[in-house]
Amino acid sequence: MPLSPYIARMRKLIGHDLLLLPGVTAVVRDDAGRLLLARRGDNGRWSLPAGVVDPGEQPADAVLREVFEETGVRVEIERVGGVATHPVVYPNGDACEYLNVWFRCRPVGGTPTADGEESLEVGWFHPDDLPELDDWSRLRIDTTIGEDAPTWHARPGERHPALGQPDAL
């Protein structure tokens, strides 16, 4: 997966140590209620379109960019779905904790197309027929089901199971 120049500079300074990064995710639902998923290039797992917010970029702009880069689909944001931190350890040993903002989105154009690097496949899935997903993906999906649901966040002191241990990618 392409590494932003900013993160590459930071990694030169801190090596594999923990890096706190801003991240975004899109939970994209079409008019039939299907979800847009991408099979990741780094680990082959199905997941929601997501990525890092670049310096100077707003989360809303980042989520629109990431969805299009990874899936070829253009979206519009309907609402903020939630916010939480989530640890990840990459295969090379890089440790990150993402402060992730996820958005409920709807498609407005484009053609689902994998980019061949960050995404190997892209598809629409009915909620009753989803491929295997981790708890972190399920949390973001579940918290955006209702069109008018409140923005989700872990309550003070809450240790939600999906937010605990780092995912090994």
Protein backbone atom coordinates (compact mmCIF):
# COMPACT_ATOMS: atom_id res chain seq x y z
CA MET A 1 0.00 0.00 0.00
CA PRO A 2 1.37 3.44 -0.79
CA LEU A 3 2.81 5.24 2.19
CA SER A 4 2.29 8.97 2.37
CA PRO A 5 5.48 11.05 2.31
CA TYR A 6 4.49 12.48 5.72
CA ILE A 7 4.25 9.02 7.35
CA ALA A 8 7.45 7.89 5.62
CA ARG A 9 9.31 10.87 7.18
CA MET A 10 7.83 10.09 10.60
CA ARG A 11 8.81 6.41 10.34
CA LYS A 12 12.43 7.41 9.59
CA LEU A 13 12.46 9.21 12.94
CA ILE A 14 10.63 6.69 15.14
CA GLY A 15 11.06 3.36 13.36
CA HIS A 16 8.30 0.87 14.19
CA ASP A 17 7.22 2.63 17.42
CA LEU A 18 3.61 3.66 17.95
CA LEU A 19 2.37 6.45 15.70
CA LEU A 20 -1.01 8.11 16.33
CA LEU A 21 -2.68 8.95 13.01
CA PRO A 22 -5.96 10.48 11.88
CA GLY A 23 -8.03 8.06 9.80
CA VAL A 24 -11.36 7.96 8.00
CA THR A 25 -13.73 5.22 6.88
CA ALA A 26 -16.73 5.24 4.55
CA VAL A 27 -19.74 3.02 5.14
CA VAL A 28 -21.31 3.32 1.70
CA ARG A 29 -24.88 2.10 1.24
CA ASP A 30 -26.69 2.17 -2.09
CA ASP A 31 -30.46 2.63 -2.56
CA ALA A 32 -30.95 -1.14 -2.19
CA GLY A 33 -29.15 -1.09 1.19
CA ARG A 34 -26.10 -2.93 -0.12
CA LEU A 35 -22.67 -2.12 1.32
CA LEU A 36 -19.58 -1.25 -0.70
CA LEU A 37 -16.58 -3.34 0.34
CA ALA A 38 -13.05 -3.69 -0.97
CA ARG A 39 -10.71 -6.67 -0.61
CA ARG A 40 -7.49 -5.19 0.77
CA GLY A 41 -4.25 -5.51 -1.13
CA ASP A 42 -2.09 -5.95 1.99
CA ASN A 43 -3.90 -8.86 3.63
CA GLY A 44 -6.63 -10.01 1.22
CA ARG A 45 -9.44 -9.37 3.73
CA TRP A 46 -12.69 -7.65 2.85
CA SER A 47 -13.07 -4.29 4.53
CA LEU A 48 -14.65 -0.86 4.32
CA PRO A 49 -12.90 1.82 2.24
CA ALA A 50 -10.61 3.69 4.62
CA GLY A 51 -7.40 5.64 4.82
CA VAL A 52 -5.26 8.30 6.44
CA VAL A 53 -6.06 12.00 6.54
CA ASP A 54 -3.16 13.91 4.96
CA PRO A 55 -1.71 16.99 6.68
CA GLY A 56 -3.93 19.98 5.91
CA GLU A 57 -6.80 17.79 4.68
CA GLN A 58 -10.21 17.71 6.35
CA PRO A 59 -11.65 14.28 7.24
CA ALA A 60 -14.65 14.79 4.92
CA ASP A 61 -12.34 15.49 1.97
CA ALA A 62 -10.15 12.53 2.90
CA VAL A 63 -13.05 10.06 2.98
CA LEU A 64 -14.27 11.17 -0.47
CA ARG A 65 -10.74 10.81 -1.86
CA GLU A 66 -10.09 7.42 -0.25
CA VAL A 67 -13.36 5.88 -1.46
CA PHE A 68 -12.71 6.98 -5.03
CA GLU A 69 -9.02 5.91 -4.99
CA GLU A 70 -9.79 2.46 -3.59
CA THR A 71 -13.10 1.67 -5.29
CA GLY A 72 -13.71 3.99 -8.27
CA VAL A 73 -17.03 5.02 -6.67
CA ARG A 74 -17.87 8.66 -5.99
CA VAL A 75 -19.84 9.25 -2.81
CA GLU A 76 -21.57 11.95 -0.89
CA ILE A 77 -21.55 12.10 2.90
CA GLU A 78 -24.88 11.69 4.67
CA ARG A 79 -23.67 11.93 8.26
CA VAL A 80 -20.87 11.15 10.69
CA GLY A 81 -21.31 7.59 11.92
CA GLY A 82 -18.83 7.55 14.77
CA VAL A 83 -15.40 8.21 16.14
CA ALA A 84 -13.00 5.93 18.03
CA THR A 85 -9.37 4.98 18.32
CA HIS A 86 -8.26 1.65 16.90
CA PRO A 87 -4.80 0.03 17.14
CA VAL A 88 -3.14 -1.72 14.19
CA VAL A 89 0.19 -3.51 13.77
CA TYR A 90 1.30 -3.91 10.15
CA PRO A 91 3.17 -6.97 8.80
CA ASN A 92 6.45 -4.99 8.82
CA GLY A 93 6.02 -4.28 12.56
CA ASP A 94 4.84 -0.66 12.27
CA ALA A 95 2.49 0.09 15.17
CA CYS A 96 -0.26 2.66 14.69
CA GLU A 97 -3.29 3.82 16.54
CA TYR A 98 -5.84 5.54 14.36
CA LEU A 99 -8.25 8.16 15.58
CA ASN A 100 -10.90 7.12 13.08
CA VAL A 101 -13.93 9.11 11.99
CA TRP A 102 -16.39 7.05 9.98
CA PHE A 103 -19.04 8.45 7.71
CA ARG A 104 -22.29 7.05 6.35
CA CYS A 105 -22.17 7.75 2.62
CA ARG A 106 -24.20 7.09 -0.49
CA PRO A 107 -22.90 6.54 -4.03
CA VAL A 108 -23.39 9.31 -6.57
CA GLY A 109 -21.31 8.06 -9.52
CA GLY A 110 -18.35 6.09 -10.75
CA THR A 111 -17.90 2.42 -11.48
CA PRO A 112 -16.75 -0.07 -8.83
CA THR A 113 -13.16 -0.84 -9.81
CA ALA A 114 -10.28 -2.18 -7.76
CA ASP A 115 -7.09 -0.15 -8.04
CA GLY A 116 -4.96 -3.32 -7.96
CA GLU A 117 -2.78 -2.05 -5.13
CA GLU A 118 -4.86 -0.94 -2.15
CA SER A 119 -7.86 -2.96 -3.33
CA LEU A 120 -7.87 -6.27 -5.20
CA GLU A 121 -11.65 -6.54 -5.61
CA VAL A 122 -14.57 -4.20 -5.04
CA GLY A 123 -18.19 -5.22 -4.67
CA TRP A 124 -21.64 -4.46 -3.38
CA PHE A 125 -22.94 -6.82 -0.69
CA HIS A 126 -26.39 -7.27 0.81
CA PRO A 127 -26.16 -6.94 4.62
CA ASP A 128 -27.39 -10.54 5.02
CA ASP A 129 -24.68 -11.85 2.67
CA LEU A 130 -21.47 -10.13 3.78
CA PRO A 131 -18.09 -11.81 3.49
CA GLU A 132 -16.14 -12.45 6.70
CA LEU A 133 -15.44 -9.13 8.41
CA ASP A 134 -13.61 -8.26 11.62
CA ASP A 135 -15.33 -6.74 14.65
CA TRP A 136 -13.94 -3.29 13.81
CA SER A 137 -15.68 -3.32 10.41
CA ARG A 138 -18.89 -4.64 11.95
CA LEU A 139 -18.93 -1.86 14.56
CA ARG A 140 -18.72 0.81 11.86
CA ILE A 141 -21.41 -0.90 9.77
CA ASP A 142 -23.75 -1.47 12.72
CA THR A 143 -23.48 2.13 13.91
CA THR A 144 -24.55 3.51 10.53
CA ILE A 145 -27.61 1.33 9.85
CA GLY A 146 -30.11 3.95 10.94
CA GLU A 147 -30.26 7.03 8.76
CA ASP A 148 -30.79 9.27 11.79
CA ALA A 149 -28.84 7.27 14.38
CA PRO A 150 -26.70 9.33 16.76
CA THR A 151 -22.96 9.55 16.19
CA TRP A 152 -21.35 6.58 17.96
CA HIS A 153 -18.45 6.84 20.39
CA ALA A 154 -17.17 4.73 23.23
CA ARG A 155 -18.57 6.06 26.48
CA PRO A 156 -16.04 7.12 29.13
CA GLY A 157 -14.49 3.97 30.55
CA GLU A 158 -16.13 1.70 27.95
CA ARG A 159 -13.92 -1.04 26.55
CA HIS A 160 -15.77 -2.11 23.43
CA PRO A 161 -14.40 -5.46 22.14
CA ALA A 162 -13.87 -4.10 18.62
CA LEU A 163 -11.51 -1.40 19.90
CA GLY A 164 -9.18 -3.44 22.09
CA GLN A 165 -6.36 -5.45 20.66
CA PRO A 166 -4.38 -4.32 17.63
CA ASP A 167 -5.36 -5.95 14.36
CA ALA A 168 -2.42 -7.75 12.80
CA LEU A 169 -2.72 -6.99 9.11
